[in-house]
Protein backbone atom coordinates (compact mmCIF):
# COMPACT_ATOMS: atom_id res chain seq x y z
CA MET A 1 37.20 -28.72 -65.74
CA THR A 2 34.62 -30.92 -67.44
CA THR A 3 35.71 -31.62 -71.02
CA SER A 4 33.99 -34.91 -71.92
CA THR A 5 31.35 -33.20 -74.06
CA LEU A 6 33.61 -30.61 -75.66
CA LYS A 7 34.38 -30.83 -79.33
CA GLN A 8 38.01 -31.78 -79.71
CA THR A 9 39.95 -30.13 -82.52
CA GLN A 10 43.55 -29.83 -83.60
CA ASP A 11 42.89 -26.63 -85.50
CA LYS A 12 44.19 -23.37 -84.20
CA ALA A 13 41.53 -21.68 -82.09
CA PRO A 14 39.93 -18.52 -83.53
CA ALA A 15 41.02 -15.21 -82.07
CA GLN A 16 38.99 -14.10 -79.09
CA ASP A 17 36.77 -11.04 -79.22
CA THR A 18 36.55 -10.94 -75.44
CA GLU A 19 37.17 -13.08 -72.38
CA VAL A 20 33.50 -13.53 -71.38
CA VAL A 21 30.27 -13.15 -73.33
CA ILE A 22 27.12 -12.72 -71.25
CA VAL A 23 23.85 -13.40 -73.05
CA GLY A 24 21.08 -11.45 -71.35
CA GLY A 25 21.27 -7.90 -70.03
CA GLY A 26 18.71 -8.05 -67.25
CA PRO A 27 19.72 -7.54 -63.62
CA VAL A 28 21.67 -10.81 -63.41
CA GLY A 29 23.58 -10.35 -66.66
CA MET A 30 24.38 -6.73 -65.91
CA GLY A 31 25.36 -7.53 -62.33
CA LEU A 32 27.76 -10.19 -63.59
CA ALA A 33 29.18 -7.76 -66.16
CA ILE A 34 29.90 -5.26 -63.40
CA GLU A 35 31.45 -7.92 -61.17
CA LEU A 36 33.77 -8.98 -63.99
CA GLY A 37 34.38 -5.52 -65.42
CA GLN A 38 35.47 -4.10 -62.07
CA ARG A 39 38.02 -6.92 -61.89
CA GLY A 40 39.48 -5.99 -65.27
CA VAL A 41 37.92 -8.86 -67.23
CA SER A 42 36.87 -8.00 -70.79
CA VAL A 43 33.15 -8.66 -71.32
CA ILE A 44 30.55 -8.36 -74.08
CA VAL A 45 26.88 -8.31 -73.02
CA VAL A 46 24.35 -9.34 -75.68
CA GLU A 47 20.83 -8.10 -74.88
CA ARG A 48 17.81 -8.37 -77.15
CA TYR A 49 15.95 -5.30 -75.88
CA LEU A 50 17.12 -1.75 -76.51
CA GLN A 51 15.45 -0.55 -73.29
CA PRO A 52 14.38 -2.30 -70.05
CA GLN A 53 10.88 -3.75 -70.36
CA PRO A 54 8.30 -1.90 -68.22
CA ILE A 55 6.88 -4.91 -66.35
CA PRO A 56 7.10 -4.43 -62.54
CA LYS A 57 8.65 -7.68 -61.34
CA GLY A 58 11.56 -8.53 -59.04
CA GLN A 59 10.90 -5.55 -56.79
CA ASN A 60 12.01 -6.68 -53.34
CA LEU A 61 15.79 -6.39 -52.97
CA THR A 62 17.16 -7.91 -49.79
CA GLN A 63 19.89 -6.56 -47.54
CA ARG A 64 22.29 -9.07 -49.07
CA THR A 65 21.44 -7.89 -52.58
CA MET A 66 22.06 -4.30 -51.57
CA GLU A 67 25.53 -5.36 -50.41
CA HIS A 68 26.15 -6.34 -54.05
CA PHE A 69 25.12 -2.89 -55.20
CA HIS A 70 27.42 -1.36 -52.60
CA PHE A 71 30.40 -3.29 -53.95
CA TRP A 72 29.32 -2.60 -57.53
CA GLY A 73 29.44 1.15 -56.88
CA ALA A 74 25.72 1.60 -57.57
CA GLU A 75 24.01 1.59 -54.16
CA LYS A 76 23.35 5.35 -53.97
CA GLN A 77 22.05 5.45 -57.52
CA LEU A 78 19.71 2.53 -56.87
CA ARG A 79 18.24 4.07 -53.74
CA ALA A 80 17.74 7.35 -55.59
CA ALA A 81 15.65 5.48 -58.19
CA ARG A 82 13.18 4.24 -55.57
CA THR A 83 9.53 4.71 -56.58
CA ILE A 84 8.02 4.40 -53.08
CA PRO A 85 9.07 6.66 -50.17
CA VAL A 86 11.24 4.92 -47.58
CA ALA A 87 8.73 5.78 -44.86
CA TYR A 88 6.08 3.75 -46.65
CA GLY A 89 8.05 0.62 -46.23
CA ILE A 90 9.12 -2.60 -47.82
CA GLY A 91 7.01 -4.78 -45.55
CA GLY A 92 4.24 -7.20 -46.49
CA LEU A 93 0.87 -8.31 -45.20
CA THR A 94 -1.00 -11.63 -45.33
CA ALA A 95 -4.79 -11.64 -45.18
CA HIS A 96 -7.48 -14.33 -44.98
CA GLY A 97 -10.49 -13.96 -47.26
CA THR A 98 -10.02 -10.33 -48.29
CA LEU A 99 -7.47 -7.60 -47.61
CA LEU A 100 -10.04 -5.56 -45.72
CA GLY A 101 -11.22 -8.49 -43.63
CA PRO A 102 -10.57 -9.00 -39.89
CA TYR A 103 -7.64 -11.42 -40.20
CA THR A 104 -4.22 -10.07 -41.21
CA TYR A 105 -0.62 -10.28 -40.01
CA ASP A 106 2.77 -8.88 -41.02
CA TRP A 107 4.59 -11.00 -43.57
CA LEU A 108 8.19 -11.23 -44.76
CA GLN A 109 9.50 -8.41 -42.58
CA ARG A 110 13.09 -8.59 -43.82
CA ASP A 111 14.13 -5.69 -41.62
CA LEU A 112 14.22 -8.25 -38.78
CA VAL A 113 17.59 -9.55 -40.03
CA LYS A 114 19.09 -6.14 -40.84
CA PRO A 115 21.73 -6.38 -38.03
CA TYR A 116 23.38 -9.29 -39.86
CA TYR A 117 24.00 -7.33 -43.09
CA PHE A 118 25.93 -4.21 -43.97
CA THR A 119 23.17 -2.52 -45.97
CA ALA A 120 19.41 -2.00 -45.65
CA ASN A 121 16.97 -3.58 -48.09
CA GLU A 122 15.25 -1.75 -50.92
CA ARG A 123 12.19 -1.87 -53.16
CA LEU A 124 11.76 -0.68 -56.74
CA PRO A 125 10.54 -2.14 -60.06
CA GLN A 126 12.98 -4.34 -61.94
CA TYR A 127 13.05 -1.97 -64.92
CA ALA A 128 14.31 0.79 -62.61
CA THR A 129 16.97 -1.56 -61.24
CA GLU A 130 18.01 -2.48 -64.79
CA ALA A 131 18.36 1.18 -65.72
CA VAL A 132 20.75 1.78 -62.81
CA LEU A 133 22.81 -1.29 -63.73
CA ARG A 134 23.00 -0.21 -67.38
CA GLN A 135 24.34 3.16 -66.30
CA ARG A 136 27.00 1.54 -64.13
CA VAL A 137 28.03 -0.85 -66.92
CA ALA A 138 28.47 2.10 -69.26
CA GLU A 139 31.15 3.46 -66.91
CA LEU A 140 33.33 0.33 -67.18
CA PRO A 141 35.80 0.44 -70.08
CA SER A 142 36.28 -3.33 -70.19
CA VAL A 143 32.55 -4.01 -70.76
CA GLN A 144 30.92 -3.65 -74.19
CA THR A 145 27.14 -3.82 -74.62
CA LEU A 146 25.28 -4.96 -77.73
CA TYR A 147 21.63 -3.94 -77.30
CA GLY A 148 19.06 -5.13 -79.83
CA TRP A 149 20.78 -8.43 -80.68
CA ASP A 150 19.38 -11.98 -80.43
CA THR A 151 21.53 -15.03 -79.75
CA GLN A 152 20.99 -17.71 -82.39
CA ALA A 153 23.61 -20.41 -81.87
CA LEU A 154 26.40 -21.47 -79.54
CA THR A 155 29.21 -23.98 -79.95
CA GLN A 156 32.23 -24.70 -77.80
CA ASP A 157 35.52 -26.52 -78.04
CA ALA A 158 38.52 -27.05 -75.79
CA GLN A 159 39.79 -23.50 -76.35
CA GLY A 160 36.64 -21.42 -76.10
CA VAL A 161 33.07 -20.64 -77.12
CA SER A 162 31.63 -19.25 -80.36
CA ILE A 163 28.27 -17.44 -80.25
CA THR A 164 26.31 -16.37 -83.32
CA ILE A 165 24.14 -13.29 -82.80
CA ALA A 166 21.74 -11.40 -85.08
CA GLN A 167 20.65 -7.78 -84.94
CA ARG A 168 16.88 -7.60 -84.48
CA ARG A 169 16.34 -4.54 -86.71
CA SER A 170 18.47 -5.69 -89.62
CA SER A 171 19.86 -8.83 -91.25
CA ASP A 172 23.32 -8.36 -89.73
CA THR A 173 24.90 -11.34 -87.97
CA ARG A 174 28.13 -11.71 -86.02
CA THR A 175 30.03 -14.52 -84.39
CA LEU A 176 31.65 -13.72 -81.05
CA ARG A 177 34.55 -15.76 -79.75
CA CYS A 178 35.30 -15.90 -76.01
CA ALA A 179 36.95 -18.03 -73.35
CA TYR A 180 33.71 -18.46 -71.37
CA ALA A 181 30.03 -17.75 -71.98
CA VAL A 182 27.24 -17.19 -69.48
CA GLY A 183 23.54 -17.47 -70.20
CA ALA A 184 21.54 -15.00 -68.13
CA ASP A 185 18.81 -15.01 -70.75
CA GLY A 186 15.77 -16.05 -68.75
CA ALA A 187 13.64 -19.14 -68.25
CA ARG A 188 13.54 -19.91 -71.99
CA SER A 189 17.32 -19.64 -72.19
CA VAL A 190 18.81 -20.13 -75.65
CA VAL A 191 22.23 -20.61 -74.06
CA ARG A 192 20.96 -23.39 -71.80
CA GLU A 193 19.36 -25.20 -74.73
CA GLN A 194 22.31 -24.72 -77.08
CA ALA A 195 24.77 -25.95 -74.45
CA GLY A 196 22.70 -29.10 -73.90
CA ILE A 197 21.96 -28.36 -70.22
CA THR A 198 18.83 -30.22 -69.20
CA HIS A 199 16.43 -29.09 -66.50
CA THR A 200 13.80 -30.54 -64.20
CA ARG A 201 10.42 -28.86 -64.14
CA SER A 202 7.60 -29.20 -61.64
CA ASP A 203 4.34 -27.99 -63.19
CA HIS A 204 1.52 -27.06 -60.82
CA ASP A 205 -1.04 -27.01 -63.65
CA ARG A 206 -2.07 -23.48 -62.71
CA MET A 207 -2.64 -20.65 -65.15
CA MET A 208 -1.79 -17.31 -63.58
CA VAL A 209 -2.59 -13.74 -64.57
CA LEU A 210 -0.38 -10.69 -64.14
CA LEU A 211 -2.28 -7.41 -64.05
CA VAL A 212 -0.63 -3.99 -63.99
CA PHE A 213 -3.12 -1.21 -63.32
CA LYS A 214 -3.68 2.30 -62.04
CA SER A 215 -5.89 2.99 -59.03
CA HIS A 216 -5.95 5.91 -56.60
CA GLY A 217 -8.94 4.43 -54.79
CA LEU A 218 -7.04 1.29 -53.84
CA HIS A 219 -4.34 3.41 -52.23
CA GLN A 220 -6.99 5.11 -50.10
CA LEU A 221 -8.50 1.78 -49.09
CA LEU A 222 -5.12 0.36 -48.01
CA GLU A 223 -3.92 3.42 -46.11
CA ARG A 224 -5.08 1.54 -43.01
CA TYR A 225 -1.91 -0.59 -43.40
CA PRO A 226 0.94 1.95 -43.18
CA GLY A 227 4.38 0.73 -44.13
CA LYS A 228 3.10 -2.09 -46.33
CA SER A 229 4.01 -2.41 -49.99
CA TYR A 230 2.75 -5.88 -50.91
CA TYR A 231 -0.12 -8.08 -49.82
CA ASN A 232 -1.11 -11.71 -50.29
CA VAL A 233 -4.62 -13.04 -49.83
CA LEU A 234 -5.46 -16.62 -48.81
CA GLN A 235 -8.81 -17.95 -49.96
CA PRO A 236 -9.94 -21.58 -49.40
CA GLU A 237 -11.05 -22.09 -53.00
CA LEU A 238 -7.50 -21.39 -54.26
CA LYS A 239 -6.08 -24.34 -52.27
CA GLY A 240 -2.94 -22.60 -51.04
CA TYR A 241 -2.18 -20.49 -54.12
CA TRP A 242 -2.13 -16.76 -53.51
CA LYS A 243 -3.69 -13.63 -54.81
CA PHE A 244 -0.64 -11.41 -54.63
CA LEU A 245 -0.91 -7.62 -54.85
CA GLY A 246 1.82 -5.00 -54.65
CA ARG A 247 2.66 -1.34 -55.12
CA VAL A 248 4.78 -0.16 -58.03
CA ASP A 249 4.74 3.41 -56.78
CA LEU A 250 2.93 5.23 -53.99
CA GLY A 251 -0.72 5.88 -54.65
CA SER A 252 -1.11 5.08 -58.32
CA THR A 253 0.34 1.94 -59.96
CA TRP A 254 -0.12 -1.68 -58.82
CA PHE A 255 0.57 -5.26 -59.90
CA PHE A 256 -1.54 -8.36 -59.17
CA HIS A 257 -0.75 -12.08 -59.61
CA ALA A 258 -3.46 -14.70 -59.12
CA PRO A 259 -4.68 -18.07 -60.42
CA VAL A 260 -7.33 -17.94 -63.15
CA PRO A 261 -9.32 -20.73 -64.85
CA ALA A 262 -7.69 -22.53 -67.77
CA GLY A 263 -8.60 -20.87 -71.04
CA THR A 264 -8.85 -17.38 -69.57
CA THR A 265 -8.14 -14.58 -72.05
CA GLN A 266 -8.09 -10.80 -71.86
CA ASP A 267 -11.64 -10.73 -73.21
CA ASN A 268 -13.53 -13.52 -71.41
CA PHE A 269 -12.85 -12.73 -67.74
CA ASP A 270 -13.86 -9.88 -65.40
CA PHE A 271 -10.49 -8.91 -63.96
CA ALA A 272 -11.81 -5.83 -62.16
CA ALA A 273 -14.32 -7.94 -60.24
CA TYR A 274 -11.54 -10.42 -59.41
CA LEU A 275 -9.49 -7.58 -57.92
CA HIS A 276 -12.47 -6.27 -55.96
CA GLU A 277 -13.08 -9.74 -54.55
CA ALA A 278 -9.48 -9.99 -53.32
CA VAL A 279 -9.55 -6.58 -51.64
CA GLY A 280 -13.11 -6.77 -50.29
CA ALA A 281 -14.36 -3.51 -51.83
CA GLU A 282 -14.84 -1.84 -55.18
CA PHE A 283 -12.40 0.80 -56.46
CA ASP A 284 -11.34 2.44 -59.71
CA VAL A 285 -9.21 0.30 -62.06
CA ALA A 286 -7.42 1.29 -65.28
CA PHE A 287 -5.49 -1.66 -66.73
CA GLU A 288 -2.07 -1.09 -68.31
CA HIS A 289 -1.06 -4.72 -68.86
CA ILE A 290 -2.80 -8.11 -68.79
CA GLY A 291 -0.54 -11.12 -69.21
CA PHE A 292 -0.54 -14.82 -68.36
CA TRP A 293 2.04 -17.31 -67.12
CA ASP A 294 2.11 -20.93 -65.92
CA LEU A 295 2.94 -21.62 -62.29
CA ARG A 296 5.90 -23.98 -62.22
CA PHE A 297 9.30 -24.56 -60.67
CA MET A 298 12.35 -25.15 -62.84
CA LEU A 299 15.86 -26.10 -61.76
CA ALA A 300 18.65 -26.85 -64.22
CA ASP A 301 20.29 -30.23 -63.71
CA ARG A 302 23.66 -28.48 -63.73
CA TYR A 303 24.81 -24.88 -63.96
CA ARG A 304 27.91 -25.59 -66.03
CA GLN A 305 28.63 -27.39 -69.29
CA GLY A 306 32.30 -27.08 -70.16
CA ARG A 307 32.99 -23.39 -70.79
CA VAL A 308 29.34 -22.41 -70.63
CA PHE A 309 27.50 -21.36 -67.46
CA ILE A 310 23.93 -20.31 -66.71
CA ALA A 311 22.64 -17.97 -64.02
CA GLY A 312 19.41 -16.41 -62.80
CA ASP A 313 16.15 -17.55 -64.42
CA ALA A 314 18.12 -19.53 -67.00
CA ALA A 315 19.26 -21.75 -64.13
CA HIS A 316 16.20 -21.63 -61.87
CA SER A 317 12.72 -20.16 -61.87
CA HIS A 318 9.70 -20.19 -59.61
CA PRO A 319 6.47 -18.28 -58.98
CA PRO A 320 6.96 -14.74 -57.62
CA TYR A 321 6.35 -15.68 -53.99
CA GLY A 322 8.49 -13.87 -51.48
CA GLY A 323 10.93 -12.06 -53.76
CA TYR A 324 13.45 -14.90 -53.93
CA GLY A 325 14.04 -14.89 -57.69
CA VAL A 326 15.97 -11.74 -58.56
CA ASN A 327 17.89 -11.90 -55.29
CA SER A 328 18.98 -15.47 -55.98
CA GLY A 329 20.03 -14.52 -59.50
CA LEU A 330 22.15 -11.63 -58.31
CA GLU A 331 23.85 -13.95 -55.80
CA ASP A 332 24.62 -16.25 -58.74
CA ALA A 333 26.36 -13.31 -60.39
CA ARG A 334 28.50 -12.54 -57.34
CA ASN A 335 29.44 -16.19 -56.85
CA LEU A 336 30.33 -16.87 -60.48
CA GLY A 337 31.94 -13.50 -61.18
CA TRP A 338 34.92 -13.67 -58.85
CA LYS A 339 35.54 -17.31 -59.79
CA LEU A 340 35.65 -16.56 -63.52
CA ALA A 341 37.98 -13.62 -62.85
CA ALA A 342 40.25 -15.76 -60.66
CA THR A 343 40.46 -18.42 -63.35
CA LEU A 344 41.18 -15.94 -66.16
CA GLN A 345 43.77 -14.14 -64.03
CA GLY A 346 45.57 -17.35 -63.12
CA TRP A 347 44.95 -17.72 -59.38
CA GLY A 348 41.88 -19.93 -59.52
CA GLY A 349 42.43 -23.67 -59.19
CA GLU A 350 40.98 -26.52 -61.22
CA GLY A 351 38.05 -27.01 -58.86
CA LEU A 352 37.00 -23.36 -58.55
CA LEU A 353 34.62 -23.08 -61.50
CA ASP A 354 32.93 -26.37 -60.63
CA SER A 355 32.19 -24.96 -57.18
CA TYR A 356 29.71 -22.52 -58.72
CA ASP A 357 27.27 -25.35 -59.45
CA ALA A 358 28.13 -27.15 -56.21
CA GLU A 359 27.33 -24.05 -54.14
CA ARG A 360 24.48 -22.32 -55.93
CA ARG A 361 22.31 -25.19 -57.20
CA PRO A 362 21.69 -26.83 -53.79
CA VAL A 363 20.82 -23.40 -52.39
CA PHE A 364 18.06 -22.88 -54.90
CA ALA A 365 16.78 -26.45 -54.54
CA SER A 366 16.46 -25.69 -50.84
CA THR A 367 14.77 -22.34 -51.60
CA ILE A 368 12.13 -24.22 -53.58
CA ASN A 369 11.60 -27.11 -51.18
CA ASP A 370 12.04 -25.41 -47.81
CA PHE A 371 10.38 -22.07 -48.54
CA ILE A 372 8.32 -21.51 -51.70
CA ALA A 373 6.73 -24.92 -52.42
CA ARG A 374 6.49 -25.56 -48.71
CA SER A 375 4.50 -22.36 -48.22
CA ILE A 376 1.95 -23.46 -50.83
CA GLU A 377 1.56 -26.83 -49.13
CA THR A 378 1.36 -25.27 -45.66
CA ASP A 379 -1.24 -22.74 -46.78
CA ARG A 380 -3.33 -25.46 -48.43
CA ALA A 381 -3.30 -27.57 -45.27
CA PHE A 382 -4.17 -24.56 -43.10
CA LEU A 383 -7.15 -23.59 -45.25
CA GLU A 384 -8.45 -27.16 -45.25
CA GLN A 385 -8.18 -27.47 -41.46
CA HIS A 386 -9.26 -24.01 -40.26
CA ASP A 387 -12.31 -21.93 -41.08
CA PRO A 388 -13.52 -19.00 -38.94
CA ALA A 389 -17.12 -19.75 -39.92
CA ARG A 390 -16.77 -23.30 -38.62
CA ASP A 391 -14.73 -22.73 -35.45
CA GLN A 392 -13.70 -19.12 -34.89
CA ALA A 393 -11.66 -19.72 -31.73
CA ALA A 394 -9.61 -22.52 -33.27
CA PHE A 395 -9.06 -20.46 -36.43
CA GLU A 396 -7.86 -17.41 -34.51
CA ALA A 397 -5.42 -19.48 -32.45
CA ALA A 398 -4.00 -21.07 -35.60
CA TRP A 399 -3.85 -17.68 -37.31
CA GLN A 400 -1.78 -16.24 -34.48
CA ALA A 401 0.58 -19.20 -34.71
CA ARG A 402 1.02 -18.49 -38.42
CA ALA A 403 1.94 -14.90 -37.62
CA GLN A 404 4.76 -16.10 -35.38
CA GLY A 405 5.90 -18.54 -38.04
CA ALA A 406 6.19 -15.69 -40.55
CA VAL A 407 8.81 -14.11 -38.29
CA GLY A 408 10.70 -17.38 -38.14
CA GLU A 409 10.77 -17.72 -41.93
CA VAL A 410 12.73 -14.48 -42.29
CA HIS A 411 15.32 -15.63 -39.76
CA ALA A 412 15.54 -19.12 -41.29
CA PHE A 413 16.27 -18.00 -44.85
CA GLU A 414 20.06 -17.89 -44.67
CA PRO A 415 21.73 -19.33 -47.80
CA HIS A 416 25.07 -20.96 -47.04
CA TYR A 417 27.73 -23.14 -48.63
CA GLU A 418 28.53 -25.61 -45.88
CA GLY A 419 28.58 -28.45 -48.40
CA SER A 420 31.06 -26.78 -50.75
CA GLY A 421 34.36 -28.44 -51.61
CA ILE A 422 36.16 -25.08 -51.40
CA ILE A 423 34.96 -24.32 -47.87
CA TRP A 424 37.07 -25.48 -44.93
CA GLY A 425 35.30 -27.86 -42.53
CA SER A 426 32.37 -28.54 -44.87
CA ASP A 427 32.99 -32.24 -45.46
CA GLY A 428 29.83 -34.29 -44.97
CA ARG A 429 27.63 -31.20 -44.73
CA SER A 430 25.10 -29.83 -47.17
CA SER A 431 24.73 -26.40 -48.78
CA GLY A 432 21.26 -24.93 -48.66
CA ALA A 433 19.01 -21.93 -48.07
CA LYS A 434 17.79 -22.91 -44.61
CA GLY A 435 19.97 -21.87 -41.70
CA SER A 436 20.18 -19.30 -38.94
CA HIS A 437 21.49 -15.76 -38.70
CA ARG A 438 24.38 -15.44 -36.27
CA PHE A 439 27.25 -13.03 -35.71
CA GLU A 440 29.72 -15.90 -35.26
CA ALA A 441 32.05 -16.30 -38.25
CA ARG A 442 31.25 -19.73 -39.69
CA PRO A 443 32.89 -21.26 -42.78
CA GLY A 444 30.45 -21.25 -45.66
CA HIS A 445 28.28 -18.50 -44.19
CA HIS A 446 27.92 -14.81 -44.94
CA LEU A 447 30.12 -12.52 -42.86
CA ALA A 448 28.16 -10.31 -40.47
CA PRO A 449 29.12 -6.62 -40.26
CA ALA A 450 31.15 -5.25 -37.37
CA ALA A 451 32.44 -1.83 -36.36
CA LEU A 452 36.23 -1.67 -36.15
CA PRO A 453 38.00 0.25 -33.35
CA ASN A 454 38.39 3.27 -35.66
CA GLY A 455 34.61 3.35 -36.20
CA ARG A 456 34.82 2.09 -39.77
CA ASN A 457 32.71 -0.94 -40.68
CA VAL A 458 34.67 -4.04 -41.61
CA PHE A 459 32.77 -4.18 -44.92
CA LYS A 460 34.48 -0.95 -45.96
CA ALA A 461 37.86 -2.46 -45.14
CA LEU A 462 37.43 -5.67 -47.15
CA GLY A 463 39.54 -6.02 -50.28
CA THR A 464 38.36 -6.92 -53.77
CA GLY A 465 40.06 -10.31 -53.45
CA PHE A 466 40.36 -12.40 -50.29
CA SER A 467 40.55 -10.68 -46.91
CA LEU A 468 42.13 -11.97 -43.70
CA LEU A 469 40.49 -10.52 -40.59
CA VAL A 470 42.77 -10.52 -37.55
CA VAL A 471 41.18 -10.19 -34.11
CA GLY A 472 43.57 -9.89 -31.17
CA GLN A 473 46.28 -7.84 -29.52
CA ALA A 474 48.76 -6.20 -31.89
CA GLY A 475 51.41 -8.66 -33.05
CA ALA A 476 49.74 -11.69 -31.44
CA HIS A 477 49.25 -13.38 -34.81
CA ALA A 478 52.14 -11.89 -36.75
CA GLY A 479 53.48 -15.29 -37.78
CA ALA A 480 50.13 -16.48 -39.10
CA VAL A 481 49.55 -13.24 -40.97
CA GLN A 482 52.94 -13.51 -42.63
CA ALA A 483 52.24 -17.12 -43.57
CA PHE A 484 49.03 -16.06 -45.32
CA ARG A 485 50.78 -13.16 -47.06
CA ASP A 486 53.54 -15.44 -48.33
CA GLU A 487 51.16 -18.11 -49.61
CA ALA A 488 48.90 -15.54 -51.27
CA ALA A 489 51.92 -14.06 -53.04
CA SER A 490 53.00 -17.49 -54.27
CA LEU A 491 49.50 -18.12 -55.67
CA GLY A 492 49.22 -14.64 -57.18
CA LEU A 493 46.10 -14.25 -55.08
CA PRO A 494 45.00 -10.74 -53.96
CA LEU A 495 44.87 -10.64 -50.15
CA THR A 496 43.95 -7.75 -47.84
CA VAL A 497 44.77 -8.01 -44.13
CA VAL A 498 42.27 -6.22 -41.87
CA ASP A 499 43.28 -5.41 -38.29
CA CYS A 500 40.07 -5.78 -36.25
CA GLY A 501 41.61 -4.72 -32.95
CA PRO A 502 42.02 -6.66 -29.71
CA GLY A 503 38.48 -8.06 -29.67
CA GLY A 504 37.33 -9.02 -26.24
CA GLN A 505 34.01 -8.63 -24.50
CA GLY A 506 31.87 -5.82 -25.86
CA SER A 507 33.75 -5.35 -29.14
CA GLU A 508 31.87 -6.12 -32.33
CA PRO A 509 34.73 -8.08 -33.97
CA GLY A 510 34.87 -10.13 -30.77
CA ARG A 511 31.45 -11.54 -31.68
CA TYR A 512 33.06 -13.38 -34.60
CA GLY A 513 34.45 -15.87 -32.07
CA ALA A 514 37.71 -16.40 -33.98
CA ALA A 515 41.16 -14.83 -34.13
CA LEU A 516 41.69 -15.36 -37.87
CA ILE A 517 38.90 -15.24 -40.45
CA LEU A 518 39.50 -15.75 -44.17
CA VAL A 519 36.79 -14.01 -46.22
CA ARG A 520 36.13 -14.66 -49.91
CA PRO A 521 35.59 -11.92 -52.50
CA ASP A 522 31.81 -12.46 -52.17
CA GLN A 523 31.88 -11.87 -48.38
CA PHE A 524 31.40 -15.52 -47.43
CA VAL A 525 33.72 -16.99 -44.82
CA ALA A 526 36.14 -19.56 -46.26
CA TRP A 527 38.12 -20.53 -43.14
CA VAL A 528 38.46 -19.63 -39.46
CA GLY A 529 41.19 -20.49 -36.97
CA ALA A 530 42.95 -19.55 -33.78
CA ASP A 531 46.36 -19.57 -35.48
CA ALA A 532 48.02 -20.90 -38.62
CA SER A 533 51.40 -22.29 -39.57
CA ALA A 534 52.81 -21.94 -43.07
CA SER A 535 51.28 -25.29 -44.05
CA GLY A 536 47.93 -24.36 -42.51
CA ALA A 537 47.79 -21.08 -44.40
CA ARG A 538 48.75 -22.88 -47.60
CA GLN A 539 45.98 -25.45 -47.19
CA ALA A 540 43.38 -22.82 -46.29
CA LEU A 541 44.12 -20.64 -49.33
CA GLN A 542 44.59 -23.47 -51.79
CA ARG A 543 41.33 -25.08 -50.68
CA SER A 544 39.52 -21.74 -50.99
CA VAL A 545 40.53 -21.25 -54.64
CA GLY A 546 39.87 -24.82 -55.72
CA ALA A 547 43.50 -25.87 -55.87
CA LEU A 548 43.26 -28.46 -53.08
CA ALA A 549 40.85 -31.37 -52.84
CA ALA A 550 38.53 -31.54 -49.85
CA SER A 551 40.12 -33.25 -46.87
CA PRO A 552 38.75 -33.85 -43.38
CA ALA A 553 42.28 -33.34 -42.07
CA LEU A 554 42.43 -29.73 -43.23
CA ALA A 555 42.83 -27.52 -40.18
CA ALA A 556 44.78 -24.60 -38.82
CA GLY A 557 48.40 -25.26 -38.04
């Protein structure tokens, strides 16, 4: 644990109010509260707003994110809150010039990677997602929520963290004492600033507008694109930046992000005409919200400072291109949650909490560089090089190539932790967001689903702690299984053994390509092997909980 910046004191530490305080009750903060609360950790969530704010952002929830909701016991409730019929889709469309022009292709079709995940993706406004999470949090006795409170100050010492909060509708203040604190309080995070966590920002010098509006006419115009819920328009004069339009519900409410000239206000710009230009036709518009934001990327220089952590937009932010933001934040919550619980419950090693930064920060750096920023640069270069008015044949050939590349982007976005110090076989490798979807069980990668011989999916057989999947004839790996059970018991580590059947050609578990697969509580593979001695099991488990330094010699016994 990093302690160099902690205030050292000989005084007796104040009594704790809770084990973890989470500042920020948006999707990331609430997701983390559920992750911890379900594991029996006492939590207080401090949230400034009494109700979720009705701005439709963070709408595209990936298959991986829906796995979180499955394990949080809220998947059915979330799908029931959907504002767009399933038949109308979660897919996107990219257009050149205008949405009604001749050049379009399917974009970000995440259903292409559905076979590699246990759940299907989903789409609904962030405020609807927050409402579902708030309801689930209210069911957990170990989680307390303080709505309508601002965080004012934070200090930490070797024993814990003290957080001063103030009620927004009165002059009341309180100081909360906890073992660990997490800032999930957005891009202007008070927790990040108070903890002294610096960040690196890349400003694109672009002022953007967010419009929320009603229009039945637009729905009629876009009925020609069935199954599409969001649309981005490429125009040469925008130099690679998008006009980005999406549905909030079916047939009525929409959002629109686009660059606008510096100095634009609600009163000096014709936003209706700007919308009509993007679509390529006039339609009725009734504005509900007009807001502005600056297009920039931000990545914290570290995700941990002593006993304080940051997650979600407090740790990383970017323009709303491709729905990466809320999904990345919820993955932060899953990653950090089980590690905090393991540490508080005594089975996490010294290196476990540091692995949160080591795993999650490189993934988001890669998300920025390999996907979001890269797409802006690629679009700018395409628009400079290709123009249908100048050379129609060359443009159409390049446009078709882009359509194929859009398919590849979905397959290539595969966050993994190959560079993590708590992943077996990761020495010399690098964690990142760019990879490939495969059924093979690979250390540091997400476990693919598989049907067990009894018809049950392996994801329903996984435990809340670590799980050891055993593929092979009955009794073939009895010694290795016992070695893992014994070592888990000595560490106090929760371990579930899952019998995946004999494997072999044609069986779904056989596609994992390994006889023994150690799976973390967040469904990432920690270790694979053909067999394991007592020492091999010990090394695998100790490495996976941060109790053993990385070693190239680590292998199955």
